[in-house]
Amino acid sequence: MPESVFGWHQIKYDWGQGNRTVNRNDFEQGILKAVADEGMNLFLLDGTKWNIRPEDISTALTWVPGARLTIAIVIDESFYPFMLYHTGTGSSVRARKDQ
């Protein structure tokens, strides 16, 4: 888990295999278009579809269209390697990009 959370200047992760530093340039921004399939999927205005980790569906269901999101890769080897962070509420969900 992050040592410093969402200052968006720099976040350090320690996964037991060494540290990884994530900088501001590693993040993407998005705007939520819709929450679909009972919270299992999110659609952004850029046309991307995100599959939400089952444990995070209840959080995704609280998000409304128009919300600004910050997207980051947090664990490359994970089934849900991305974190979508709601910049208005501070809540976040783990997700994977749908092909």
Protein backbone atom coordinates (compact mmCIF):
# COMPACT_ATOMS: atom_id res chain seq x y z
CA MET A 1 0.00 0.00 0.00
CA PRO A 2 1.13 3.59 -0.53
CA GLU A 3 3.34 5.20 2.06
CA SER A 4 1.99 8.63 1.14
CA VAL A 5 -1.50 8.69 -0.26
CA PHE A 6 -2.53 10.81 -3.22
CA GLY A 7 -0.48 13.93 -2.97
CA TRP A 8 -0.10 13.16 -6.70
CA HIS A 9 3.49 14.31 -6.58
CA GLN A 10 4.96 10.96 -5.78
CA ILE A 11 3.72 7.69 -4.31
CA LYS A 12 5.97 4.87 -3.23
CA TYR A 13 4.86 1.24 -3.23
CA ASP A 14 6.63 -1.65 -1.58
CA TRP A 15 5.46 -5.05 -2.83
CA GLY A 16 8.12 -7.18 -1.19
CA GLN A 17 10.08 -7.33 -4.44
CA GLY A 18 11.52 -3.86 -4.14
CA ASN A 19 10.13 -0.36 -4.20
CA ARG A 20 8.46 1.34 -7.12
CA THR A 21 8.06 5.08 -7.29
CA VAL A 22 5.10 6.44 -9.22
CA ASN A 23 5.29 10.04 -10.40
CA ARG A 24 2.60 12.47 -11.54
CA ASN A 25 3.30 11.63 -15.21
CA ASP A 26 2.28 8.00 -14.56
CA PHE A 27 -1.35 9.03 -14.02
CA GLU A 28 -4.15 9.59 -16.50
CA GLN A 29 -7.26 11.65 -15.98
CA GLY A 30 -10.79 10.66 -16.93
CA ILE A 31 -14.40 11.70 -16.53
CA LEU A 32 -17.01 9.14 -15.57
CA LYS A 33 -19.76 8.68 -18.16
CA ALA A 34 -21.72 5.82 -16.57
CA VAL A 35 -21.77 3.14 -13.91
CA ALA A 36 -23.21 -0.01 -15.49
CA ASP A 37 -24.08 -3.63 -14.77
CA GLU A 38 -24.85 -3.03 -11.09
CA GLY A 39 -21.46 -1.42 -10.52
CA MET A 40 -19.41 -4.11 -12.26
CA ASN A 41 -18.35 -1.76 -15.08
CA LEU A 42 -17.51 1.92 -15.47
CA PHE A 43 -17.51 3.82 -18.75
CA LEU A 44 -15.47 7.00 -19.20
CA LEU A 45 -16.07 9.83 -21.65
CA ASP A 46 -12.99 8.77 -23.65
CA GLY A 47 -14.84 5.54 -24.54
CA THR A 48 -12.91 3.21 -22.24
CA LYS A 49 -14.67 0.51 -20.25
CA TRP A 50 -13.33 -0.61 -16.87
CA ASN A 51 -14.17 -3.87 -15.08
CA ILE A 52 -14.35 -3.27 -11.33
CA ARG A 53 -12.91 -5.66 -8.74
CA PRO A 54 -15.87 -7.36 -7.01
CA GLU A 55 -14.81 -6.10 -3.56
CA ASP A 56 -15.04 -2.50 -4.85
CA ILE A 57 -18.44 -2.62 -6.55
CA SER A 58 -20.21 -1.01 -3.57
CA THR A 59 -17.87 1.98 -3.86
CA ALA A 60 -18.34 2.25 -7.65
CA LEU A 61 -22.11 2.34 -7.13
CA THR A 62 -21.78 5.61 -5.18
CA TRP A 63 -20.08 7.40 -8.09
CA VAL A 64 -22.13 9.62 -10.41
CA PRO A 65 -21.56 10.63 -14.03
CA GLY A 66 -19.33 13.66 -14.44
CA ALA A 67 -16.98 12.64 -11.62
CA ARG A 68 -13.30 13.32 -12.29
CA LEU A 69 -11.09 10.27 -11.93
CA THR A 70 -7.36 9.77 -11.74
CA ILE A 71 -6.15 6.43 -13.10
CA ALA A 72 -2.87 4.74 -12.19
CA ILE A 73 -1.25 1.35 -12.68
CA VAL A 74 -0.59 0.05 -9.18
CA ILE A 75 0.43 -3.59 -9.65
CA ASP A 76 1.32 -4.74 -13.17
CA GLU A 77 0.93 -8.47 -12.39
CA SER A 78 -2.48 -8.14 -10.74
CA PHE A 79 -5.79 -9.21 -12.34
CA TYR A 80 -6.99 -5.66 -11.47
CA PRO A 81 -3.80 -3.66 -12.09
CA PHE A 82 -5.33 -0.17 -12.14
CA MET A 83 -6.64 2.10 -9.44
CA LEU A 84 -9.36 4.58 -10.32
CA TYR A 85 -9.38 7.39 -7.78
CA HIS A 86 -12.41 9.70 -7.45
CA THR A 87 -10.84 13.13 -7.00
CA GLY A 88 -14.01 14.60 -5.43
CA THR A 89 -14.62 12.05 -2.69
CA GLY A 90 -11.19 10.48 -2.20
CA SER A 91 -12.60 6.99 -2.72
CA SER A 92 -10.96 4.51 -5.06
CA VAL A 93 -11.59 1.20 -6.79
CA ARG A 94 -9.31 -1.41 -8.34
CA ALA A 95 -10.08 -2.16 -11.98
CA ARG A 96 -8.89 -3.64 -15.25
CA LYS A 97 -9.36 -2.10 -18.66
CA ASP A 98 -11.85 -3.99 -20.81
CA GLN A 99 -10.60 -4.87 -24.29
